[in-house]
N, C-alpha and C. Protein backbone atom coordinates (compact mmCIF):
# COMPACT_ATOMS: atom_id res chain seq x y z
N UNK A 1 0.80 -1.04 0.08
CA UNK A 1 -0.03 0.11 -0.11
C UNK A 1 0.74 1.45 -0.01
N UNK A 2 0.55 2.23 -0.83
CA UNK A 2 1.30 3.52 -0.88
C UNK A 2 0.97 4.28 0.35
N UNK A 3 1.76 5.38 0.66
CA UNK A 3 1.51 6.32 1.32
C UNK A 3 1.54 7.77 0.81
N UNK A 4 0.61 8.50 0.85
CA UNK A 4 0.03 9.92 0.48
C UNK A 4 0.50 10.66 1.32
N UNK A 5 1.19 12.00 0.87
CA UNK A 5 1.45 13.13 1.63
C UNK A 5 0.44 14.17 1.07
N UNK A 6 -0.68 14.37 1.90
CA UNK A 6 -1.74 15.29 1.50
C UNK A 6 -1.49 16.64 2.08
N UNK A 7 -1.10 17.71 1.45
CA UNK A 7 -0.89 18.94 1.87
C UNK A 7 -2.27 19.76 2.05
N UNK A 8 -2.54 20.49 3.06
CA UNK A 8 -3.69 21.29 3.22
C UNK A 8 -3.41 22.67 3.74
N UNK A 9 -3.49 23.72 2.94
CA UNK A 9 -3.36 25.26 3.38
C UNK A 9 -4.52 25.70 4.56
N UNK A 10 -4.14 25.33 5.94
CA UNK A 10 -5.19 25.46 7.07
C UNK A 10 -5.62 27.12 7.42
N UNK A 11 -4.97 27.89 7.02
CA UNK A 11 -5.35 29.25 7.31
C UNK A 11 -4.74 30.18 6.06
N UNK A 12 -5.34 30.03 4.88
CA UNK A 12 -4.96 31.04 3.73
C UNK A 12 -5.33 32.22 3.90
N UNK A 13 -5.89 32.74 4.67
CA UNK A 13 -6.20 34.06 5.03
C UNK A 13 -5.45 34.75 6.01
N UNK A 14 -4.58 34.06 6.69
CA UNK A 14 -3.76 34.29 7.86
C UNK A 14 -4.47 35.28 8.79
N UNK A 15 -5.77 34.43 9.29
CA UNK A 15 -6.46 35.15 10.23
C UNK A 15 -6.39 34.53 11.55
N UNK A 16 -5.58 33.29 11.90
CA UNK A 16 -5.55 33.01 13.06
C UNK A 16 -4.27 33.28 13.75
N UNK A 17 -4.66 33.28 15.18
CA UNK A 17 -3.46 33.69 16.00
C UNK A 17 -2.72 32.55 16.31
N UNK A 18 -1.32 32.56 16.76
CA UNK A 18 -0.23 31.75 17.09
C UNK A 18 -1.19 30.59 17.90
N UNK A 19 -1.56 30.83 19.03
CA UNK A 19 -1.92 30.03 19.99
C UNK A 19 -3.34 28.98 19.18
N UNK A 20 -4.02 29.71 18.45
CA UNK A 20 -5.22 29.04 17.56
C UNK A 20 -4.37 28.00 16.66
N UNK A 21 -3.20 28.45 16.13
CA UNK A 21 -2.54 27.57 15.13
C UNK A 21 -2.24 26.21 15.95
N UNK A 22 -1.61 26.65 17.06
CA UNK A 22 -0.95 25.69 17.95
C UNK A 22 -2.25 24.51 18.35
N UNK A 23 -3.34 25.11 18.97
CA UNK A 23 -4.68 24.46 19.07
C UNK A 23 -5.09 23.53 18.16
N UNK A 24 -4.88 24.12 16.82
CA UNK A 24 -5.57 23.54 15.51
C UNK A 24 -4.47 22.28 15.42
N UNK A 25 -3.27 22.25 15.42
CA UNK A 25 -2.26 21.25 15.17
C UNK A 25 -2.59 20.24 15.84
N UNK A 26 -2.81 20.58 17.15
CA UNK A 26 -2.77 19.67 18.20
C UNK A 26 -4.13 18.65 17.95
N UNK A 27 -5.21 19.35 17.60
CA UNK A 27 -6.46 18.74 17.50
C UNK A 27 -6.30 17.87 16.17
N UNK A 28 -5.74 18.18 14.99
CA UNK A 28 -5.27 17.44 13.78
C UNK A 28 -4.98 16.23 14.04
N UNK A 29 -3.44 16.28 14.84
CA UNK A 29 -2.70 15.38 15.23
C UNK A 29 -3.32 14.27 15.94
N UNK A 30 -4.19 14.75 16.68
CA UNK A 30 -5.07 13.72 17.56
C UNK A 30 -5.90 13.09 16.57
N UNK A 31 -6.92 13.76 15.92
CA UNK A 31 -7.92 13.24 15.08
C UNK A 31 -7.01 12.25 13.75
N UNK A 32 -5.76 12.65 13.20
CA UNK A 32 -5.04 11.82 12.61
C UNK A 32 -4.89 10.54 13.07
N UNK A 33 -4.11 10.63 14.03
CA UNK A 33 -3.70 9.30 14.91
C UNK A 33 -4.77 8.32 15.14
N UNK A 34 -6.01 8.87 15.34
CA UNK A 34 -7.10 7.99 15.68
C UNK A 34 -7.48 7.29 14.61
N UNK A 35 -7.06 7.77 13.39
CA UNK A 35 -7.39 6.84 12.08
C UNK A 35 -6.19 6.59 11.60
N UNK A 36 -5.02 6.34 12.20
CA UNK A 36 -3.79 5.51 11.51
C UNK A 36 -3.12 6.49 10.67
N UNK A 37 -3.19 7.63 10.80
CA UNK A 37 -2.58 8.82 10.04
C UNK A 37 -1.45 9.44 10.95
N UNK A 38 -0.53 10.12 10.24
CA UNK A 38 0.35 10.81 10.92
C UNK A 38 0.43 12.44 10.23
N UNK A 39 0.43 13.39 11.29
CA UNK A 39 0.84 14.68 10.93
C UNK A 39 2.15 15.14 11.14
N UNK A 40 2.56 15.48 9.85
CA UNK A 40 3.96 16.10 9.82
C UNK A 40 4.19 17.35 11.24
N UNK A 41 4.81 17.46 12.00
CA UNK A 41 5.13 18.21 13.09
C UNK A 41 5.80 19.39 12.32
N UNK A 42 4.59 20.80 12.53
CA UNK A 42 5.18 21.94 11.79
C UNK A 42 4.81 23.11 12.70
N UNK A 43 5.31 24.14 13.02
CA UNK A 43 5.06 25.17 13.65
C UNK A 43 4.70 26.26 12.78
N UNK A 44 3.13 26.04 12.63
CA UNK A 44 2.56 26.84 11.83
C UNK A 44 2.68 28.50 12.11
N UNK A 45 2.62 28.67 13.04
CA UNK A 45 2.73 30.37 13.81
C UNK A 45 4.25 30.83 13.28
N UNK A 46 5.18 30.20 12.79
CA UNK A 46 6.54 30.69 12.19
C UNK A 46 6.37 30.81 10.93
N UNK A 47 5.39 30.26 10.09
CA UNK A 47 5.50 30.09 8.89
C UNK A 47 4.59 31.94 8.33
N UNK A 48 4.95 32.21 7.20
CA UNK A 48 3.97 33.27 6.57
C UNK A 48 2.64 32.92 6.63
N UNK A 49 1.80 33.72 6.71
CA UNK A 49 0.36 33.29 6.40
C UNK A 49 0.10 32.57 4.84
N UNK A 50 0.91 33.01 3.95
CA UNK A 50 0.56 32.24 2.89
C UNK A 50 0.86 30.90 2.59
N UNK A 51 1.85 30.39 3.59
CA UNK A 51 2.67 29.16 3.71
C UNK A 51 2.10 28.17 4.73
N UNK A 52 1.17 28.58 5.49
CA UNK A 52 0.59 27.80 6.35
C UNK A 52 -0.09 26.20 6.20
N UNK A 53 0.79 25.27 5.80
CA UNK A 53 0.38 24.18 5.20
C UNK A 53 0.90 22.78 6.31
N UNK A 54 -0.19 22.08 6.43
CA UNK A 54 0.18 21.01 7.08
C UNK A 54 0.36 19.87 5.95
N UNK A 55 1.06 18.75 6.33
CA UNK A 55 1.20 17.69 5.58
C UNK A 55 0.63 16.37 6.53
N UNK A 56 -0.04 15.62 5.85
CA UNK A 56 -0.76 14.43 6.61
C UNK A 56 -0.27 13.08 5.56
N UNK A 57 0.33 12.25 6.57
CA UNK A 57 0.87 10.94 5.69
C UNK A 57 -0.57 10.12 5.95
N UNK A 58 -0.86 9.34 4.60
CA UNK A 58 -1.99 8.77 4.89
C UNK A 58 -1.69 7.27 3.81
N UNK A 59 -2.13 6.41 4.59
CA UNK A 59 -2.05 5.01 3.75
C UNK A 59 -3.35 4.97 2.65
N UNK A 60 -3.12 4.36 1.49
CA UNK A 60 -3.97 4.02 0.61
C UNK A 60 -3.76 4.64 -0.89
N UNK A 61 -4.48 3.85 -1.66
CA UNK A 61 -4.15 4.20 -3.15
C UNK A 61 -5.38 5.25 -3.71
N UNK A 62 -6.27 5.52 -2.92
CA UNK A 62 -7.42 6.43 -3.56
C UNK A 62 -7.23 7.92 -3.25
N UNK A 63 -6.67 8.68 -4.21
CA UNK A 63 -6.19 10.21 -4.16
C UNK A 63 -7.47 10.82 -3.69
N UNK A 64 -8.65 10.65 -4.19
CA UNK A 64 -9.65 11.34 -3.78
C UNK A 64 -10.23 11.35 -2.67
N UNK A 65 -10.00 10.05 -2.31
CA UNK A 65 -10.88 9.82 -1.05
C UNK A 65 -9.96 10.33 0.02
N UNK A 66 -8.48 10.56 -0.36
CA UNK A 66 -7.42 10.81 0.72
C UNK A 66 -7.34 12.37 0.95
N UNK A 67 -7.83 13.05 -0.12
CA UNK A 67 -7.90 14.30 -0.24
C UNK A 67 -8.99 14.76 0.50
N UNK A 68 -10.46 14.16 0.09
CA UNK A 68 -11.55 14.35 1.15
C UNK A 68 -11.58 14.20 2.33
N UNK A 69 -11.17 13.05 2.94
CA UNK A 69 -10.73 12.56 4.17
C UNK A 69 -9.71 13.75 5.11
N UNK A 70 -8.51 14.04 4.39
CA UNK A 70 -7.67 14.93 4.93
C UNK A 70 -8.55 16.46 5.22
N UNK A 71 -9.21 16.71 4.15
CA UNK A 71 -9.71 18.18 4.19
C UNK A 71 -10.82 18.08 5.28
N UNK A 72 -11.42 17.01 5.38
CA UNK A 72 -12.61 16.82 6.43
C UNK A 72 -11.84 17.17 8.07
N UNK A 73 -10.66 16.45 8.28
CA UNK A 73 -10.07 16.57 9.19
C UNK A 73 -9.72 18.03 9.77
N UNK A 74 -9.02 18.44 8.46
CA UNK A 74 -8.67 20.18 8.68
C UNK A 74 -9.92 21.09 9.04
N UNK A 75 -10.87 20.70 8.28
CA UNK A 75 -12.19 21.32 8.43
C UNK A 75 -12.37 21.45 10.14
N UNK A 76 -12.41 19.87 10.65
CA UNK A 76 -12.84 19.84 11.97
C UNK A 76 -11.29 20.50 12.89
N UNK A 77 -10.68 20.68 12.52
CA UNK A 77 -9.59 21.18 13.68
C UNK A 77 -9.19 22.53 13.33
N UNK A 78 -9.75 23.22 12.13
CA UNK A 78 -9.09 24.56 12.08
C UNK A 78 -10.16 25.54 11.51
N UNK A 79 -11.52 24.86 11.14
CA UNK A 79 -12.58 25.29 10.44
C UNK A 79 -13.32 25.81 11.90
N UNK A 80 -13.45 25.20 13.16
CA UNK A 80 -13.86 25.66 14.34
C UNK A 80 -13.36 26.68 14.87
N UNK A 81 -12.05 27.23 14.38
CA UNK A 81 -11.36 28.16 14.74
C UNK A 81 -11.43 29.37 13.84
N UNK A 82 -12.40 29.55 12.85
CA UNK A 82 -12.68 30.18 12.12
C UNK A 82 -12.01 30.47 10.82
N UNK A 83 -10.83 29.42 10.60
CA UNK A 83 -10.30 29.19 9.08
C UNK A 83 -11.10 28.62 7.91
N UNK A 84 -10.75 28.92 6.83
CA UNK A 84 -11.07 28.26 5.93
C UNK A 84 -10.33 27.28 5.07
N UNK A 85 -10.09 26.04 5.50
CA UNK A 85 -8.79 25.32 4.98
C UNK A 85 -9.07 24.88 3.56
N UNK A 86 -7.84 24.88 2.39
CA UNK A 86 -7.81 24.90 1.04
C UNK A 86 -7.09 23.62 0.87
N UNK A 87 -7.42 22.91 -0.25
CA UNK A 87 -6.73 21.61 -0.73
C UNK A 87 -5.38 22.14 -1.39
N UNK A 88 -4.16 21.39 -0.89
CA UNK A 88 -2.70 21.64 -1.42
C UNK A 88 -2.71 20.58 -2.42
N UNK A 89 -1.34 20.08 -2.53
CA UNK A 89 -1.05 19.20 -3.40
C UNK A 89 -0.81 17.68 -2.70
N UNK A 90 -1.31 16.63 -3.46
CA UNK A 90 -1.16 15.24 -2.85
C UNK A 90 0.04 14.66 -3.78
N UNK A 91 1.17 14.15 -3.00
CA UNK A 91 2.22 13.29 -3.58
C UNK A 91 2.41 12.00 -2.72
N UNK A 92 3.12 11.04 -3.64
CA UNK A 92 3.09 9.93 -2.62
C UNK A 92 4.93 9.69 -2.11
N UNK A 93 4.92 9.18 -1.06
CA UNK A 93 6.31 8.52 -0.64
C UNK A 93 6.78 7.36 -1.32
N UNK A 94 7.64 7.53 -1.82
CA UNK A 94 8.13 6.32 -2.52
C UNK A 94 9.32 5.61 -1.82
N UNK A 95 9.23 4.25 -1.65
CA UNK A 95 10.18 3.55 -0.99
C UNK A 95 10.69 2.47 -1.89
N UNK A 96 10.50 2.83 -3.05
CA UNK A 96 11.31 2.01 -4.27
C UNK A 96 10.49 0.48 -4.55
N UNK A 97 9.26 0.21 -3.87
CA UNK A 97 8.74 -1.20 -4.02
C UNK A 97 7.95 -1.28 -5.27
N UNK A 98 7.55 -2.30 -5.56
CA UNK A 98 6.95 -2.77 -6.42
C UNK A 98 5.45 -2.07 -6.44
N UNK A 99 4.90 -1.82 -5.17
CA UNK A 99 3.66 -1.08 -5.15
C UNK A 99 3.94 0.30 -5.92
N UNK A 100 4.96 0.88 -5.51
CA UNK A 100 5.36 2.10 -5.94
C UNK A 100 5.04 2.07 -7.44
N UNK A 101 6.08 1.25 -8.19
CA UNK A 101 6.24 1.18 -9.39
C UNK A 101 4.69 1.07 -10.09
N UNK A 102 3.57 -0.01 -9.39
CA UNK A 102 2.36 0.16 -10.06
C UNK A 102 1.53 1.28 -9.90
N UNK A 103 1.88 2.04 -8.67
CA UNK A 103 1.35 3.37 -8.61
C UNK A 103 1.57 4.25 -9.57
N UNK A 104 3.00 4.39 -9.66
CA UNK A 104 3.50 5.23 -10.82
C UNK A 104 2.70 5.14 -12.11
N UNK A 105 2.53 3.50 -12.56
CA UNK A 105 1.93 3.48 -13.52
C UNK A 105 0.41 3.99 -13.52
N UNK A 106 -0.04 3.50 -12.54
CA UNK A 106 -1.61 3.96 -12.48
C UNK A 106 -1.66 5.37 -12.34
N UNK A 107 -0.73 6.45 -11.87
CA UNK A 107 -0.71 7.83 -12.07
C UNK A 107 -0.75 7.99 -13.47
N UNK A 108 -0.23 7.29 -14.23
CA UNK A 108 -0.08 7.73 -15.49
C UNK A 108 -1.21 7.31 -16.41
N UNK A 109 -2.10 6.39 -16.07
CA UNK A 109 -2.97 5.82 -16.51
C UNK A 109 -2.62 4.51 -17.23
N UNK A 110 -1.85 4.09 -16.68
CA UNK A 110 -1.13 2.68 -17.10
C UNK A 110 -1.47 1.39 -16.29
N UNK A 111 -1.27 0.40 -16.90
CA UNK A 111 -1.09 -0.88 -15.90
C UNK A 111 -0.19 -1.91 -16.98
N UNK A 112 0.62 -2.45 -16.08
CA UNK A 112 1.57 -3.44 -16.49
C UNK A 112 1.98 -4.64 -15.65
N UNK A 113 2.94 -5.47 -16.19
CA UNK A 113 3.69 -6.39 -15.35
C UNK A 113 4.86 -5.85 -14.41
N UNK A 114 5.51 -6.00 -13.61
CA UNK A 114 6.75 -5.50 -12.91
C UNK A 114 7.09 -6.76 -12.11
N UNK A 115 8.52 -6.75 -12.73
CA UNK A 115 9.58 -7.99 -12.08
C UNK A 115 10.73 -7.36 -11.76
N UNK A 116 11.11 -7.76 -10.54
CA UNK A 116 12.45 -7.50 -10.06
C UNK A 116 13.48 -8.55 -9.99
N UNK A 117 14.60 -8.22 -10.26
CA UNK A 117 15.54 -9.14 -10.32
C UNK A 117 16.93 -8.75 -9.80
N UNK A 118 17.68 -9.07 -8.70
CA UNK A 118 18.96 -8.72 -8.13
C UNK A 118 19.98 -8.80 -9.05
N UNK A 119 21.14 -8.02 -9.05
CA UNK A 119 22.23 -8.08 -9.90
C UNK A 119 23.54 -8.87 -9.11
N UNK A 120 24.53 -9.16 -9.37
CA UNK A 120 25.70 -9.69 -8.76
C UNK A 120 26.03 -8.56 -8.13
N UNK A 121 25.87 -7.33 -8.55
CA UNK A 121 26.45 -6.32 -7.60
C UNK A 121 25.60 -5.74 -6.48
N UNK A 122 24.49 -6.36 -6.28
CA UNK A 122 23.70 -6.05 -5.14
C UNK A 122 22.61 -4.90 -5.62
N UNK A 123 22.70 -4.65 -6.69
CA UNK A 123 21.38 -3.67 -7.11
C UNK A 123 20.35 -4.54 -8.05
N UNK A 124 19.12 -3.71 -7.94
CA UNK A 124 18.13 -4.27 -8.53
C UNK A 124 17.90 -3.72 -9.86
N UNK A 125 17.40 -4.65 -10.75
CA UNK A 125 16.75 -4.09 -12.10
C UNK A 125 15.23 -4.35 -12.12
N UNK A 126 14.63 -3.50 -12.52
CA UNK A 126 13.13 -3.81 -12.41
C UNK A 126 12.58 -3.54 -13.86
N UNK A 127 12.03 -4.72 -14.28
CA UNK A 127 11.63 -4.87 -15.76
C UNK A 127 10.21 -4.74 -15.72
N UNK A 128 9.72 -3.68 -16.49
CA UNK A 128 8.14 -3.51 -16.67
C UNK A 128 7.66 -3.56 -18.01
N UNK A 129 6.69 -4.40 -18.12
CA UNK A 129 5.99 -4.77 -19.24
C UNK A 129 4.61 -4.01 -19.76
N UNK A 130 4.74 -3.32 -20.55
CA UNK A 130 3.68 -2.52 -21.03
C UNK A 130 3.07 -3.06 -22.48
N UNK A 131 1.78 -2.71 -22.61
CA UNK A 131 1.28 -3.02 -24.12
C UNK A 131 1.65 -1.75 -24.86
N UNK A 132 1.75 -1.87 -26.32
CA UNK A 132 2.26 -0.92 -27.19
C UNK A 132 1.28 0.16 -27.19
N UNK A 133 -0.03 -0.31 -27.34
CA UNK A 133 -1.08 0.65 -27.37
C UNK A 133 -1.22 1.68 -26.33
N UNK A 134 -0.52 1.21 -25.10
CA UNK A 134 -0.80 2.17 -23.97
C UNK A 134 0.11 3.26 -24.21
N UNK A 135 1.33 2.97 -24.91
CA UNK A 135 2.20 3.94 -25.00
C UNK A 135 2.02 5.13 -26.00
N UNK A 136 0.97 4.80 -26.77
CA UNK A 136 0.49 5.80 -27.71
C UNK A 136 -0.17 7.04 -27.23
N UNK A 137 -0.37 7.01 -25.70
CA UNK A 137 -0.84 7.91 -25.07
C UNK A 137 -0.08 8.87 -24.16
N UNK A 138 1.11 8.01 -23.62
CA UNK A 138 2.09 8.34 -22.47
C UNK A 138 3.53 8.03 -23.51
N UNK A 139 4.27 9.04 -23.46
CA UNK A 139 5.58 8.54 -24.14
C UNK A 139 6.47 7.60 -23.20
N UNK A 140 6.99 6.70 -23.69
CA UNK A 140 7.63 5.76 -23.12
C UNK A 140 8.92 6.52 -22.19
N UNK A 141 9.66 7.56 -22.86
CA UNK A 141 10.54 8.25 -21.87
C UNK A 141 10.04 8.82 -20.71
N UNK A 142 8.90 9.33 -20.88
CA UNK A 142 8.00 9.69 -19.46
C UNK A 142 7.94 8.58 -18.48
N UNK A 143 7.63 7.47 -19.22
CA UNK A 143 7.19 6.60 -18.27
C UNK A 143 8.64 5.69 -17.60
N UNK A 144 9.59 5.62 -18.22
CA UNK A 144 10.89 5.42 -17.87
C UNK A 144 11.38 6.08 -16.77
N UNK A 145 11.45 7.59 -17.02
CA UNK A 145 11.95 8.57 -16.01
C UNK A 145 11.17 8.57 -14.75
N UNK A 146 9.87 8.66 -14.76
CA UNK A 146 8.82 8.39 -13.45
C UNK A 146 9.10 7.15 -12.40
N UNK A 147 9.43 6.12 -13.59
CA UNK A 147 9.78 4.90 -12.79
C UNK A 147 11.14 4.78 -12.08
N UNK A 148 12.26 5.27 -12.79
CA UNK A 148 13.53 5.31 -12.33
C UNK A 148 13.64 6.29 -11.02
N UNK A 149 12.89 7.42 -11.28
CA UNK A 149 12.89 8.42 -10.01
C UNK A 149 12.17 8.00 -8.87
N UNK A 150 11.00 6.78 -9.05
CA UNK A 150 10.14 6.50 -8.05
C UNK A 150 10.90 5.18 -7.18
N UNK A 151 11.51 4.39 -8.12
CA UNK A 151 12.15 3.16 -7.71
C UNK A 151 13.59 3.32 -7.24
N UNK A 152 14.33 4.20 -7.83
CA UNK A 152 15.93 4.59 -7.42
C UNK A 152 16.56 3.28 -7.91
N UNK A 153 16.53 2.75 -9.03
CA UNK A 153 16.99 1.73 -9.65
C UNK A 153 16.72 1.46 -11.25
N UNK A 154 17.72 0.84 -11.67
CA UNK A 154 17.34 0.33 -13.29
C UNK A 154 16.21 -0.09 -13.38
N UNK A 155 15.63 0.70 -14.67
CA UNK A 155 14.35 -0.02 -15.19
C UNK A 155 14.46 -0.17 -16.42
N UNK A 156 14.13 -1.28 -16.91
CA UNK A 156 13.94 -1.94 -18.33
C UNK A 156 12.55 -1.88 -18.51
N UNK A 157 12.21 -1.25 -19.68
CA UNK A 157 10.76 -1.41 -20.22
C UNK A 157 10.65 -2.31 -21.47
N UNK A 158 9.65 -3.17 -21.40
CA UNK A 158 9.47 -4.28 -22.41
C UNK A 158 8.31 -3.83 -22.92
N UNK A 159 7.99 -3.77 -24.31
CA UNK A 159 6.72 -3.29 -24.82
C UNK A 159 6.25 -4.65 -25.67
N UNK A 160 4.94 -5.12 -25.47
CA UNK A 160 4.42 -5.95 -26.26
C UNK A 160 3.08 -5.77 -27.00
């Protein structure tokens, strides 16, 4: 299972005082922990109002559900204090696993087979098999670059 980093701008207007930001972070951290998620510890009061973003680490593969869930938590933690949180960017933590490879492919609208083999030098080579028809929509070079960046190993793409 992949881990998303969901970013939410919790005080875009810069209206909350330092003690309110601290209270909101405490509430958000407790709410997230109750659902098995983690909030990255951030001193929101030390940030400029335009950058008061929280990062919530959430396990799962459904980006829309993760965004919605994170927004509901931020609304509960900061909305009651008078803020109007807005959605930021969602990215994924990459640990170089085969699940990460499948996640990269899914993000590009592709499906394929992933096979990993270790080399004598101790490095992995990941072979990804894709359908030729799928590569008419997404250039092979883009797929290759995204996979190598995510997996941090050599990637071979086989087109069938």
